[in-house]
Protein backbone atom coordinates (compact mmCIF):
# COMPACT_ATOMS: atom_id res chain seq x y z
CA MET A 1 -87.37 -114.55 -38.69
CA LYS A 2 -85.39 -117.24 -40.91
CA GLU A 3 -87.08 -116.68 -44.79
CA THR A 4 -87.05 -120.15 -47.08
CA PHE A 5 -87.77 -119.78 -50.99
CA ILE A 6 -89.15 -122.87 -52.40
CA ASP A 7 -90.47 -123.84 -56.01
CA ALA A 8 -94.19 -124.04 -55.87
CA THR A 9 -94.15 -128.14 -56.99
CA LYS A 10 -92.18 -128.99 -54.50
CA ALA A 11 -94.21 -126.91 -51.91
CA ARG A 12 -97.26 -128.22 -52.79
CA ARG A 13 -95.73 -132.21 -51.91
CA GLU A 14 -93.78 -130.77 -48.68
CA PHE A 15 -97.17 -128.52 -47.61
CA PHE A 16 -98.32 -130.01 -44.12
CA ARG A 17 -93.90 -130.13 -43.21
CA LEU A 18 -93.59 -126.11 -44.38
CA LEU A 19 -96.84 -125.85 -42.26
CA SER A 20 -94.93 -127.21 -38.95
CA GLU A 21 -91.71 -125.18 -40.40
CA VAL A 22 -93.85 -121.91 -40.65
CA ARG A 23 -95.63 -122.53 -37.38
CA TYR A 24 -93.50 -124.16 -34.97
CA GLY A 25 -90.65 -123.11 -36.91
CA ASP A 26 -90.94 -119.26 -36.99
CA ARG A 27 -89.97 -119.19 -40.25
CA ARG A 28 -90.74 -117.13 -43.47
CA ILE A 29 -91.74 -119.65 -46.66
CA VAL A 30 -90.88 -117.77 -49.78
CA ILE A 31 -93.34 -119.74 -52.49
CA ARG A 32 -91.98 -118.96 -56.62
CA ARG A 33 -93.44 -119.95 -59.56
CA TRP A 34 -91.07 -119.80 -62.64
CA GLY A 35 -88.24 -118.07 -59.93
CA ARG A 36 -90.60 -115.33 -59.21
CA PRO A 37 -91.98 -115.05 -55.66
CA GLN A 38 -95.95 -116.14 -55.95
CA ALA A 39 -97.13 -116.18 -52.06
CA ILE A 40 -95.34 -116.04 -49.04
CA MET A 41 -96.64 -118.32 -45.57
CA ILE A 42 -95.77 -115.91 -42.48
CA PRO A 43 -96.82 -117.32 -38.88
CA PRO A 44 -99.79 -116.62 -37.29
CA GLN A 45 -98.25 -114.33 -35.17
CA GLU A 46 -96.70 -112.20 -38.10
CA TYR A 47 -99.70 -112.19 -40.03
CA HIS A 48 -102.13 -110.71 -36.60
CA ARG A 49 -99.42 -107.46 -35.74
CA LEU A 50 -99.34 -106.83 -39.63
CA LYS A 51 -102.43 -106.45 -39.88
CA ARG A 52 -102.45 -104.22 -36.89
CA GLN A 53 -100.75 -101.98 -38.08
CA ALA A 54 -103.11 -101.58 -41.49
CA LEU A 55 -105.54 -100.97 -39.25
CA PHE A 56 -103.70 -98.24 -37.16
CA ARG A 57 -102.69 -96.46 -40.43
CA ASP A 58 -106.32 -96.90 -41.67
CA ASP A 59 -107.50 -95.02 -38.60
CA MET A 60 -104.72 -92.96 -38.87
CA ARG A 61 -105.78 -91.66 -43.05
CA ASN A 62 -109.48 -91.19 -41.54
CA VAL A 63 -108.68 -88.81 -38.79
CA GLU A 64 -106.50 -87.36 -40.95
CA ALA A 65 -109.20 -87.01 -43.52
CA GLU A 66 -111.93 -86.23 -40.64
CA ASN A 67 -109.54 -83.81 -39.88
CA GLU A 68 -109.51 -82.05 -43.68
CA SER A 69 -113.02 -82.26 -44.06
CA GLN A 70 -113.78 -80.75 -41.23
CA ARG A 71 -110.95 -77.73 -42.17
CA ALA A 72 -113.00 -77.80 -45.39
CA GLY A 73 -116.15 -76.94 -43.74
CA LYS A 74 -114.82 -74.13 -41.79
CA ALA A 75 -113.73 -72.66 -44.33
CA LEU A 76 -116.65 -72.96 -46.09
CA ALA A 77 -118.71 -71.84 -44.17
CA ARG A 78 -115.87 -68.50 -43.00
CA ALA A 79 -115.99 -67.48 -47.09
CA LEU A 80 -119.59 -67.86 -46.84
CA ALA A 81 -119.67 -65.69 -44.04
CA ARG A 82 -117.89 -63.12 -45.58
CA GLU A 83 -119.98 -63.22 -49.04
CA LEU A 84 -122.49 -62.82 -46.88
CA GLY A 85 -121.46 -59.85 -44.87
CA SER A 86 -121.67 -61.74 -41.21
CA GLU A 87 -118.13 -61.73 -40.71
CA PRO A 88 -115.99 -58.36 -40.81
């Protein structure tokens, strides 16, 4: 995917043209202000792909956290059982 850098003032003047380039030309537009990137315009399909990836990573983190909580809970239960003398 082609990436184009453009100054914020020029991006403001040419917004609708840039919008078309991003949507139909499959381009990324990096908008800079004082030479530093401030925003990036990306096609909707790329946005949705990135969002799905982020959600997947969040789901995986939640599963890992649940597994850690379950392991911690089981370890605590074993420790309490040993302390109470109900586990050999």
